[in-house]
Amino acid sequence: MSTSTDPLKTYITDVPDFPKPGILFQDITPVLSNPEAFNVVVRALAEVDPDSSVVAGIEARGFIFASAIAVAKGCGFVPIRKKGKLPFTTYSKQYGLEYGV
């Protein structure tokens, strides 16, 4: 666990070389399992753009946070998924990650 002065960082665990060598994966499951920490994160992220009418989230972790943020803001949620994973009209955009595209 982190030794930062930011108390939320104590809920984020570094996992070196996952999913492959050279990647430092940051495990957020401790944040998700602690209702107070999760609420603090969701409320802080909801304040980033108070005037937005929709929140978009990239699948996996993005779904967890974006859907909770949308509920907190009282607005809509748009899932961003891999090609072929949504049945209705979609838009496509390719983006890069530290371990793939």
PDB file of N, CA and C in Angstrom:
ATOM      1  N   MET A   1       0.836  -1.187   0.000  1.00  0.00           N
ATOM      2  CA  MET A   1       0.000   0.000   0.000  1.00  0.00           C
ATOM      3  C   MET A   1       0.880   1.248   0.000  1.00  0.00           C
ATOM      4  N   SER A   2       0.287   2.299  -0.490  1.00  0.00           N
ATOM      5  CA  SER A   2       1.003   3.563  -0.581  1.00  0.00           C
ATOM      6  C   SER A   2       1.209   4.176   0.804  1.00  0.00           C
ATOM      7  N   THR A   3       2.286   4.930   0.932  1.00  0.00           N
ATOM      8  CA  THR A   3       2.544   5.644   2.189  1.00  0.00           C
ATOM      9  C   THR A   3       2.312   7.140   2.008  1.00  0.00           C
ATOM     10  N   SER A   4       1.573   7.502   0.964  1.00  0.00           N
ATOM     11  CA  SER A   4       1.297   8.909   0.666  1.00  0.00           C
ATOM     12  C   SER A   4       0.510   9.566   1.790  1.00  0.00           C
ATOM     13  N   THR A   5       0.565  10.904   1.809  1.00  0.00           N
ATOM     14  CA  THR A   5      -0.227  11.647   2.786  1.00  0.00           C
ATOM     15  C   THR A   5      -1.697  11.699   2.376  1.00  0.00           C
ATOM     16  N   ASP A   6      -2.020  11.347   1.125  1.00  0.00           N
ATOM     17  CA  ASP A   6      -3.410  11.291   0.665  1.00  0.00           C
ATOM     18  C   ASP A   6      -4.029  10.005   1.213  1.00  0.00           C
ATOM     19  N   PRO A   7      -5.009  10.123   2.136  1.00  0.00           N
ATOM     20  CA  PRO A   7      -5.564   8.922   2.764  1.00  0.00           C
ATOM     21  C   PRO A   7      -6.234   7.965   1.780  1.00  0.00           C
ATOM     22  N   LEU A   8      -6.756   8.471   0.659  1.00  0.00           N
ATOM     23  CA  LEU A   8      -7.362   7.571  -0.321  1.00  0.00           C
ATOM     24  C   LEU A   8      -6.339   6.661  -0.976  1.00  0.00           C
ATOM     25  N   LYS A   9      -5.102   7.135  -1.110  1.00  0.00           N
ATOM     26  CA  LYS A   9      -4.070   6.310  -1.737  1.00  0.00           C
ATOM     27  C   LYS A   9      -3.740   5.075  -0.906  1.00  0.00           C
ATOM     28  N   THR A  10      -4.091   5.087   0.369  1.00  0.00           N
ATOM     29  CA  THR A  10      -3.853   3.893   1.183  1.00  0.00           C
ATOM     30  C   THR A  10      -4.778   2.753   0.763  1.00  0.00           C
ATOM     31  N   TYR A  11      -5.819   3.063  -0.024  1.00  0.00           N
ATOM     32  CA  TYR A  11      -6.741   2.039  -0.511  1.00  0.00           C
ATOM     33  C   TYR A  11      -6.371   1.514  -1.899  1.00  0.00           C
ATOM     34  N   ILE A  12      -5.281   2.000  -2.465  1.00  0.00           N
ATOM     35  CA  ILE A  12      -4.845   1.564  -3.792  1.00  0.00           C
ATOM     36  C   ILE A  12      -3.559   0.770  -3.650  1.00  0.00           C
ATOM     37  N   THR A  13      -3.598  -0.463  -4.134  1.00  0.00           N
ATOM     38  CA  THR A  13      -2.453  -1.364  -4.008  1.00  0.00           C
ATOM     39  C   THR A  13      -1.718  -1.447  -5.340  1.00  0.00           C
ATOM     40  N   ASP A  14      -0.402  -1.250  -5.325  1.00  0.00           N
ATOM     41  CA  ASP A  14       0.420  -1.400  -6.521  1.00  0.00           C
ATOM     42  C   ASP A  14       0.757  -2.872  -6.726  1.00  0.00           C
ATOM     43  N   VAL A  15       0.549  -3.355  -7.968  1.00  0.00           N
ATOM     44  CA  VAL A  15       0.884  -4.735  -8.327  1.00  0.00           C
ATOM     45  C   VAL A  15       1.861  -4.658  -9.494  1.00  0.00           C
ATOM     46  N   PRO A  16       3.177  -4.807  -9.205  1.00  0.00           N
ATOM     47  CA  PRO A  16       4.172  -4.690 -10.266  1.00  0.00           C
ATOM     48  C   PRO A  16       4.094  -5.842 -11.272  1.00  0.00           C
ATOM     49  N   ASP A  17       4.437  -5.512 -12.518  1.00  0.00           N
ATOM     50  CA  ASP A  17       4.533  -6.499 -13.599  1.00  0.00           C
ATOM     51  C   ASP A  17       3.230  -7.248 -13.860  1.00  0.00           C
ATOM     52  N   PHE A  18       2.108  -6.529 -13.761  1.00  0.00           N
ATOM     53  CA  PHE A  18       0.818  -7.129 -14.090  1.00  0.00           C
ATOM     54  C   PHE A  18       0.053  -6.174 -14.993  1.00  0.00           C
ATOM     55  N   PRO A  19      -0.482  -6.616 -16.103  1.00  0.00           N
ATOM     56  CA  PRO A  19      -0.615  -7.990 -16.579  1.00  0.00           C
ATOM     57  C   PRO A  19       0.594  -8.525 -17.330  1.00  0.00           C
ATOM     58  N   LYS A  20       1.615  -7.673 -17.499  1.00  0.00           N
ATOM     59  CA  LYS A  20       2.852  -8.159 -18.120  1.00  0.00           C
ATOM     60  C   LYS A  20       4.024  -7.353 -17.554  1.00  0.00           C
ATOM     61  N   PRO A  21       5.234  -7.833 -17.727  1.00  0.00           N
ATOM     62  CA  PRO A  21       6.412  -7.142 -17.171  1.00  0.00           C
ATOM     63  C   PRO A  21       6.481  -5.681 -17.617  1.00  0.00           C
ATOM     64  N   GLY A  22       6.828  -4.823 -16.673  1.00  0.00           N
ATOM     65  CA  GLY A  22       6.973  -3.398 -16.941  1.00  0.00           C
ATOM     66  C   GLY A  22       5.726  -2.574 -16.662  1.00  0.00           C
ATOM     67  N   ILE A  23       4.594  -3.232 -16.410  1.00  0.00           N
ATOM     68  CA  ILE A  23       3.347  -2.529 -16.108  1.00  0.00           C
ATOM     69  C   ILE A  23       3.152  -2.510 -14.596  1.00  0.00           C
ATOM     70  N   LEU A  24       2.817  -1.348 -14.059  1.00  0.00           N
ATOM     71  CA  LEU A  24       2.477  -1.241 -12.635  1.00  0.00           C
ATOM     72  C   LEU A  24       0.962  -1.106 -12.540  1.00  0.00           C
ATOM     73  N   PHE A  25       0.286  -2.204 -12.244  1.00  0.00           N
ATOM     74  CA  PHE A  25      -1.168  -2.231 -12.119  1.00  0.00           C
ATOM     75  C   PHE A  25      -1.546  -1.654 -10.763  1.00  0.00           C
ATOM     76  N   GLN A  26      -2.552  -0.797 -10.759  1.00  0.00           N
ATOM     77  CA  GLN A  26      -3.021  -0.225  -9.499  1.00  0.00           C
ATOM     78  C   GLN A  26      -4.395  -0.815  -9.188  1.00  0.00           C
ATOM     79  N   ASP A  27      -4.440  -1.640  -8.166  1.00  0.00           N
ATOM     80  CA  ASP A  27      -5.649  -2.354  -7.763  1.00  0.00           C
ATOM     81  C   ASP A  27      -6.538  -1.444  -6.936  1.00  0.00           C
ATOM     82  N   ILE A  28      -7.738  -1.184  -7.457  1.00  0.00           N
ATOM     83  CA  ILE A  28      -8.679  -0.289  -6.778  1.00  0.00           C
ATOM     84  C   ILE A  28      -9.754  -1.041  -5.998  1.00  0.00           C
ATOM     85  N   THR A  29      -9.679  -2.369  -5.964  1.00  0.00           N
ATOM     86  CA  THR A  29     -10.731  -3.111  -5.262  1.00  0.00           C
ATOM     87  C   THR A  29     -10.846  -2.732  -3.786  1.00  0.00           C
ATOM     88  N   PRO A  30      -9.768  -2.335  -3.097  1.00  0.00           N
ATOM     89  CA  PRO A  30      -9.954  -1.860  -1.722  1.00  0.00           C
ATOM     90  C   PRO A  30     -10.814  -0.592  -1.636  1.00  0.00           C
ATOM     91  N   VAL A  31     -10.727   0.291  -2.635  1.00  0.00           N
ATOM     92  CA  VAL A  31     -11.594   1.482  -2.671  1.00  0.00           C
ATOM     93  C   VAL A  31     -13.045   1.041  -2.826  1.00  0.00           C
ATOM     94  N   LEU A  32     -13.269   0.104  -3.728  1.00  0.00           N
ATOM     95  CA  LEU A  32     -14.636  -0.352  -4.007  1.00  0.00           C
ATOM     96  C   LEU A  32     -15.260  -1.073  -2.819  1.00  0.00           C
ATOM     97  N   SER A  33     -14.441  -1.744  -2.033  1.00  0.00           N
ATOM     98  CA  SER A  33     -14.975  -2.519  -0.911  1.00  0.00           C
ATOM     99  C   SER A  33     -15.204  -1.678   0.344  1.00  0.00           C
ATOM    100  N   ASN A  34     -14.733  -0.430   0.323  1.00  0.00           N
ATOM    101  CA  ASN A  34     -14.912   0.452   1.473  1.00  0.00           C
ATOM    102  C   ASN A  34     -15.932   1.536   1.102  1.00  0.00           C
ATOM    103  N   PRO A  35     -17.150   1.483   1.656  1.00  0.00           N
ATOM    104  CA  PRO A  35     -18.185   2.435   1.232  1.00  0.00           C
ATOM    105  C   PRO A  35     -17.816   3.898   1.427  1.00  0.00           C
ATOM    106  N   GLU A  36     -17.090   4.213   2.494  1.00  0.00           N
ATOM    107  CA  GLU A  36     -16.712   5.621   2.715  1.00  0.00           C
ATOM    108  C   GLU A  36     -15.709   6.086   1.664  1.00  0.00           C
ATOM    109  N   ALA A  37     -14.699   5.273   1.386  1.00  0.00           N
ATOM    110  CA  ALA A  37     -13.692   5.639   0.384  1.00  0.00           C
ATOM    111  C   ALA A  37     -14.324   5.737  -1.003  1.00  0.00           C
ATOM    112  N   PHE A  38     -15.173   4.778  -1.341  1.00  0.00           N
ATOM    113  CA  PHE A  38     -15.841   4.782  -2.639  1.00  0.00           C
ATOM    114  C   PHE A  38     -16.708   6.034  -2.790  1.00  0.00           C
ATOM    115  N   ASN A  39     -17.435   6.397  -1.758  1.00  0.00           N
ATOM    116  CA  ASN A  39     -18.278   7.585  -1.795  1.00  0.00           C
ATOM    117  C   ASN A  39     -17.444   8.856  -1.973  1.00  0.00           C
ATOM    118  N   VAL A  40     -16.327   8.962  -1.288  1.00  0.00           N
ATOM    119  CA  VAL A  40     -15.451  10.132  -1.422  1.00  0.00           C
ATOM    120  C   VAL A  40     -14.964  10.268  -2.865  1.00  0.00           C
ATOM    121  N   VAL A  41     -14.542   9.162  -3.466  1.00  0.00           N
ATOM    122  CA  VAL A  41     -14.050   9.182  -4.843  1.00  0.00           C
ATOM    123  C   VAL A  41     -15.174   9.573  -5.806  1.00  0.00           C
ATOM    124  N   VAL A  42     -16.336   8.941  -5.666  1.00  0.00           N
ATOM    125  CA  VAL A  42     -17.455   9.226  -6.563  1.00  0.00           C
ATOM    126  C   VAL A  42     -17.873  10.688  -6.449  1.00  0.00           C
ATOM    127  N   ARG A  43     -18.001  11.208  -5.247  1.00  0.00           N
ATOM    128  CA  ARG A  43     -18.416  12.610  -5.049  1.00  0.00           C
ATOM    129  C   ARG A  43     -17.379  13.575  -5.630  1.00  0.00           C
ATOM    130  N   ALA A  44     -16.091  13.274  -5.437  1.00  0.00           N
ATOM    131  CA  ALA A  44     -15.041  14.148  -5.975  1.00  0.00           C
ATOM    132  C   ALA A  44     -15.058  14.142  -7.504  1.00  0.00           C
ATOM    133  N   LEU A  45     -15.212  12.973  -8.100  1.00  0.00           N
ATOM    134  CA  LEU A  45     -15.259  12.901  -9.563  1.00  0.00           C
ATOM    135  C   LEU A  45     -16.520  13.553 -10.118  1.00  0.00           C
ATOM    136  N   ALA A  46     -17.620  13.469  -9.400  1.00  0.00           N
ATOM    137  CA  ALA A  46     -18.870  14.098  -9.841  1.00  0.00           C
ATOM    138  C   ALA A  46     -18.747  15.614  -9.878  1.00  0.00           C
ATOM    139  N   GLU A  47     -17.865  16.180  -9.092  1.00  0.00           N
ATOM    140  CA  GLU A  47     -17.676  17.632  -9.045  1.00  0.00           C
ATOM    141  C   GLU A  47     -16.745  18.160 -10.132  1.00  0.00           C
ATOM    142  N   VAL A  48     -16.068  17.267 -10.857  1.00  0.00           N
ATOM    143  CA  VAL A  48     -15.126  17.704 -11.890  1.00  0.00           C
ATOM    144  C   VAL A  48     -15.836  18.541 -12.963  1.00  0.00           C
ATOM    145  N   ASP A  49     -17.010  18.109 -13.388  1.00  0.00           N
ATOM    146  CA  ASP A  49     -17.791  18.860 -14.368  1.00  0.00           C
ATOM    147  C   ASP A  49     -19.237  18.891 -13.889  1.00  0.00           C
ATOM    148  N   PRO A  50     -19.566  19.830 -13.017  1.00  0.00           N
ATOM    149  CA  PRO A  50     -20.901  19.848 -12.415  1.00  0.00           C
ATOM    150  C   PRO A  50     -22.034  20.088 -13.403  1.00  0.00           C
ATOM    151  N   ASP A  51     -21.743  20.630 -14.580  1.00  0.00           N
ATOM    152  CA  ASP A  51     -22.792  20.960 -15.539  1.00  0.00           C
ATOM    153  C   ASP A  51     -23.044  19.886 -16.591  1.00  0.00           C
ATOM    154  N   SER A  52     -22.296  18.780 -16.544  1.00  0.00           N
ATOM    155  CA  SER A  52     -22.484  17.742 -17.553  1.00  0.00           C
ATOM    156  C   SER A  52     -23.837  17.059 -17.391  1.00  0.00           C
ATOM    157  N   SER A  53     -24.388  16.598 -18.520  1.00  0.00           N
ATOM    158  CA  SER A  53     -25.682  15.931 -18.494  1.00  0.00           C
ATOM    159  C   SER A  53     -25.566  14.439 -18.755  1.00  0.00           C
ATOM    160  N   VAL A  54     -24.353  13.967 -18.969  1.00  0.00           N
ATOM    161  CA  VAL A  54     -24.108  12.548 -19.207  1.00  0.00           C
ATOM    162  C   VAL A  54     -22.680  12.221 -18.770  1.00  0.00           C
ATOM    163  N   VAL A  55     -22.481  10.988 -18.300  1.00  0.00           N
ATOM    164  CA  VAL A  55     -21.150  10.523 -17.912  1.00  0.00           C
ATOM    165  C   VAL A  55     -20.828   9.300 -18.754  1.00  0.00           C
ATOM    166  N   ALA A  56     -19.667   9.289 -19.399  1.00  0.00           N
ATOM    167  CA  ALA A  56     -19.240   8.142 -20.200  1.00  0.00           C
ATOM    168  C   ALA A  56     -18.174   7.371 -19.432  1.00  0.00           C
ATOM    169  N   GLY A  57     -18.224   6.053 -19.546  1.00  0.00           N
ATOM    170  CA  GLY A  57     -17.248   5.215 -18.862  1.00  0.00           C
ATOM    171  C   GLY A  57     -16.739   4.107 -19.752  1.00  0.00           C
ATOM    172  N   ILE A  58     -15.405   3.952 -19.777  1.00  0.00           N
ATOM    173  CA  ILE A  58     -14.786   2.864 -20.546  1.00  0.00           C
ATOM    174  C   ILE A  58     -14.916   1.579 -19.740  1.00  0.00           C
ATOM    175  N   GLU A  59     -15.247   0.492 -20.458  1.00  0.00           N
ATOM    176  CA  GLU A  59     -15.585  -0.753 -19.768  1.00  0.00           C
ATOM    177  C   GLU A  59     -14.580  -1.170 -18.694  1.00  0.00           C
ATOM    178  N   ALA A  60     -15.048  -1.991 -17.833  1.00  0.00           N
ATOM    179  CA  ALA A  60     -14.352  -2.469 -16.640  1.00  0.00           C
ATOM    180  C   ALA A  60     -14.425  -1.401 -15.554  1.00  0.00           C
ATOM    181  N   ARG A  61     -13.300  -0.858 -15.144  1.00  0.00           N
ATOM    182  CA  ARG A  61     -13.310   0.125 -14.047  1.00  0.00           C
ATOM    183  C   ARG A  61     -14.142   1.357 -14.369  1.00  0.00           C
ATOM    184  N   GLY A  62     -14.135   1.774 -15.629  1.00  0.00           N
ATOM    185  CA  GLY A  62     -14.907   2.945 -16.021  1.00  0.00           C
ATOM    186  C   GLY A  62     -16.394   2.771 -15.815  1.00  0.00           C
ATOM    187  N   PHE A  63     -16.899   1.551 -16.026  1.00  0.00           N
ATOM    188  CA  PHE A  63     -18.321   1.289 -15.801  1.00  0.00           C
ATOM    189  C   PHE A  63     -18.667   1.476 -14.333  1.00  0.00           C
ATOM    190  N   ILE A  64     -17.810   0.984 -13.470  1.00  0.00           N
ATOM    191  CA  ILE A  64     -18.062   1.052 -12.028  1.00  0.00           C
ATOM    192  C   ILE A  64     -18.173   2.504 -11.580  1.00  0.00           C
ATOM    193  N   PHE A  65     -17.171   3.299 -11.920  1.00  0.00           N
ATOM    194  CA  PHE A  65     -17.154   4.687 -11.461  1.00  0.00           C
ATOM    195  C   PHE A  65     -18.136   5.571 -12.215  1.00  0.00           C
ATOM    196  N   ALA A  66     -18.190   5.463 -13.532  1.00  0.00           N
ATOM    197  CA  ALA A  66     -19.051   6.350 -14.312  1.00  0.00           C
ATOM    198  C   ALA A  66     -20.522   6.145 -13.986  1.00  0.00           C
ATOM    199  N   SER A  67     -20.939   4.908 -13.793  1.00  0.00           N
ATOM    200  CA  SER A  67     -22.354   4.685 -13.466  1.00  0.00           C
ATOM    201  C   SER A  67     -22.679   5.250 -12.080  1.00  0.00           C
ATOM    202  N   ALA A  68     -21.778   5.095 -11.120  1.00  0.00           N
ATOM    203  CA  ALA A  68     -21.999   5.661  -9.781  1.00  0.00           C
ATOM    204  C   ALA A  68     -21.994   7.188  -9.827  1.00  0.00           C
ATOM    205  N   ILE A  69     -21.114   7.759 -10.627  1.00  0.00           N
ATOM    206  CA  ILE A  69     -21.054   9.212 -10.772  1.00  0.00           C
ATOM    207  C   ILE A  69     -22.347   9.729 -11.409  1.00  0.00           C
ATOM    208  N   ALA A  70     -22.835   9.026 -12.435  1.00  0.00           N
ATOM    209  CA  ALA A  70     -24.082   9.428 -13.088  1.00  0.00           C
ATOM    210  C   ALA A  70     -25.246   9.428 -12.101  1.00  0.00           C
ATOM    211  N   VAL A  71     -25.312   8.421 -11.246  1.00  0.00           N
ATOM    212  CA  VAL A  71     -26.369   8.375 -10.231  1.00  0.00           C
ATOM    213  C   VAL A  71     -26.218   9.558  -9.271  1.00  0.00           C
ATOM    214  N   ALA A  72     -24.991   9.828  -8.827  1.00  0.00           N
ATOM    215  CA  ALA A  72     -24.751  10.930  -7.894  1.00  0.00           C
ATOM    216  C   ALA A  72     -25.135  12.279  -8.507  1.00  0.00           C
ATOM    217  N   LYS A  73     -24.910  12.423  -9.823  1.00  0.00           N
ATOM    218  CA  LYS A  73     -25.210  13.673 -10.510  1.00  0.00           C
ATOM    219  C   LYS A  73     -26.654  13.737 -10.992  1.00  0.00           C
ATOM    220  N   GLY A  74     -27.351  12.603 -11.005  1.00  0.00           N
ATOM    221  CA  GLY A  74     -28.710  12.564 -11.531  1.00  0.00           C
ATOM    222  C   GLY A  74     -28.748  12.721 -13.037  1.00  0.00           C
ATOM    223  N   CYS A  75     -27.765  12.132 -13.725  1.00  0.00           N
ATOM    224  CA  CYS A  75     -27.719  12.251 -15.183  1.00  0.00           C
ATOM    225  C   CYS A  75     -27.519  10.875 -15.820  1.00  0.00           C
ATOM    226  N   GLY A  76     -27.416  10.847 -17.135  1.00  0.00           N
ATOM    227  CA  GLY A  76     -27.281   9.598 -17.873  1.00  0.00           C
ATOM    228  C   GLY A  76     -25.870   9.035 -17.870  1.00  0.00           C
ATOM    229  N   PHE A  77     -25.788   7.759 -18.248  1.00  0.00           N
ATOM    230  CA  PHE A  77     -24.518   7.034 -18.346  1.00  0.00           C
ATOM    231  C   PHE A  77     -24.402   6.433 -19.740  1.00  0.00           C
ATOM    232  N   VAL A  78     -23.237   6.587 -20.375  1.00  0.00           N
ATOM    233  CA  VAL A  78     -22.969   6.005 -21.685  1.00  0.00           C
ATOM    234  C   VAL A  78     -21.797   5.035 -21.547  1.00  0.00           C
ATOM    235  N   PRO A  79     -22.036   3.738 -21.833  1.00  0.00           N
ATOM    236  CA  PRO A  79     -20.934   2.776 -21.774  1.00  0.00           C
ATOM    237  C   PRO A  79     -20.071   2.858 -23.028  1.00  0.00           C
ATOM    238  N   ILE A  80     -18.770   2.815 -22.836  1.00  0.00           N
ATOM    239  CA  ILE A  80     -17.824   2.768 -23.948  1.00  0.00           C
ATOM    240  C   ILE A  80     -17.233   1.363 -23.930  1.00  0.00           C
ATOM    241  N   ARG A  81     -17.484   0.622 -25.016  1.00  0.00           N
ATOM    242  CA  ARG A  81     -17.097  -0.786 -25.053  1.00  0.00           C
ATOM    243  C   ARG A  81     -16.304  -1.114 -26.295  1.00  0.00           C
ATOM    244  N   LYS A  82     -15.733  -2.304 -26.302  1.00  0.00           N
ATOM    245  CA  LYS A  82     -15.008  -2.812 -27.467  1.00  0.00           C
ATOM    246  C   LYS A  82     -15.991  -3.073 -28.613  1.00  0.00           C
ATOM    247  N   LYS A  83     -15.481  -3.013 -29.833  1.00  0.00           N
ATOM    248  CA  LYS A  83     -16.284  -3.223 -31.031  1.00  0.00           C
ATOM    249  C   LYS A  83     -17.056  -4.545 -30.944  1.00  0.00           C
ATOM    250  N   GLY A  84     -18.327  -4.479 -31.310  1.00  0.00           N
ATOM    251  CA  GLY A  84     -19.156  -5.677 -31.338  1.00  0.00           C
ATOM    252  C   GLY A  84     -19.803  -6.045 -30.011  1.00  0.00           C
ATOM    253  N   LYS A  85     -19.613  -5.232 -28.971  1.00  0.00           N
ATOM    254  CA  LYS A  85     -20.141  -5.552 -27.647  1.00  0.00           C
ATOM    255  C   LYS A  85     -21.455  -4.843 -27.327  1.00  0.00           C
ATOM    256  N   LEU A  86     -21.900  -3.956 -28.206  1.00  0.00           N
ATOM    257  CA  LEU A  86     -23.172  -3.263 -28.003  1.00  0.00           C
ATOM    258  C   LEU A  86     -24.072  -3.524 -29.206  1.00  0.00           C
ATOM    259  N   PRO A  87     -25.357  -3.784 -28.995  1.00  0.00           N
ATOM    260  CA  PRO A  87     -26.233  -4.175 -30.103  1.00  0.00           C
ATOM    261  C   PRO A  87     -26.810  -3.024 -30.927  1.00  0.00           C
ATOM    262  N   PHE A  88     -26.792  -1.807 -30.436  1.00  0.00           N
ATOM    263  CA  PHE A  88     -27.461  -0.704 -31.119  1.00  0.00           C
ATOM    264  C   PHE A  88     -26.470   0.157 -31.893  1.00  0.00           C
ATOM    265  N   THR A  89     -26.918   1.292 -32.389  1.00  0.00           N
ATOM    266  CA  THR A  89     -26.068   2.217 -33.126  1.00  0.00           C
ATOM    267  C   THR A  89     -24.890   2.628 -32.264  1.00  0.00           C
ATOM    268  N   THR A  90     -23.709   2.545 -32.837  1.00  0.00           N
ATOM    269  CA  THR A  90     -22.491   2.867 -32.083  1.00  0.00           C
ATOM    270  C   THR A  90     -21.583   3.771 -32.906  1.00  0.00           C
ATOM    271  N   TYR A  91     -20.616   4.371 -32.239  1.00  0.00           N
ATOM    272  CA  TYR A  91     -19.548   5.139 -32.853  1.00  0.00           C
ATOM    273  C   TYR A  91     -18.251   4.439 -32.512  1.00  0.00           C
ATOM    274  N   SER A  92     -17.251   4.588 -33.381  1.00  0.00           N
ATOM    275  CA  SER A  92     -15.997   3.878 -33.157  1.00  0.00           C
ATOM    276  C   SER A  92     -14.830   4.856 -33.067  1.00  0.00           C
ATOM    277  N   LYS A  93     -13.929   4.587 -32.141  1.00  0.00           N
ATOM    278  CA  LYS A  93     -12.698   5.368 -31.965  1.00  0.00           C
ATOM    279  C   LYS A  93     -11.642   4.435 -31.396  1.00  0.00           C
ATOM    280  N   GLN A  94     -10.467   4.392 -32.008  1.00  0.00           N
ATOM    281  CA  GLN A  94      -9.384   3.555 -31.518  1.00  0.00           C
ATOM    282  C   GLN A  94      -8.507   4.370 -30.577  1.00  0.00           C
ATOM    283  N   TYR A  95      -8.055   3.757 -29.488  1.00  0.00           N
ATOM    284  CA  TYR A  95      -7.190   4.444 -28.530  1.00  0.00           C
ATOM    285  C   TYR A  95      -6.157   3.459 -28.013  1.00  0.00           C
ATOM    286  N   GLY A  96      -5.049   3.996 -27.487  1.00  0.00           N
ATOM    287  CA  GLY A  96      -3.955   3.152 -27.031  1.00  0.00           C
ATOM    288  C   GLY A  96      -3.884   3.095 -25.512  1.00  0.00           C
ATOM    289  N   LEU A  97      -3.422   1.961 -25.039  1.00  0.00           N
ATOM    290  CA  LEU A  97      -3.172   1.742 -23.613  1.00  0.00           C
ATOM    291  C   LEU A  97      -1.681   1.477 -23.443  1.00  0.00           C
ATOM    292  N   GLU A  98      -1.236   1.399 -22.213  1.00  0.00           N
ATOM    293  CA  GLU A  98       0.188   1.141 -22.001  1.00  0.00           C
ATOM    294  C   GLU A  98       0.584  -0.279 -22.425  1.00  0.00           C
ATOM    295  N   TYR A  99      -0.398  -1.170 -22.640  1.00  0.00           N
ATOM    296  CA  TYR A  99      -0.069  -2.541 -23.024  1.00  0.00           C
ATOM    297  C   TYR A  99      -0.895  -3.021 -24.212  1.00  0.00           C
ATOM    298  N   GLY A 100      -1.399  -2.115 -25.032  1.00  0.00           N
ATOM    299  CA  GLY A 100      -2.141  -2.517 -26.224  1.00  0.00           C
ATOM    300  C   GLY A 100      -2.941  -1.371 -26.813  1.00  0.00           C
ATOM    301  N   VAL A 101      -3.712  -1.686 -27.877  1.00  0.00           N
ATOM    302  CA  VAL A 101      -4.563  -0.698 -28.558  1.00  0.00           C
ATOM    303  C   VAL A 101      -6.006  -1.142 -28.416  1.00  0.00           C
TER     304      VAL A 101
END
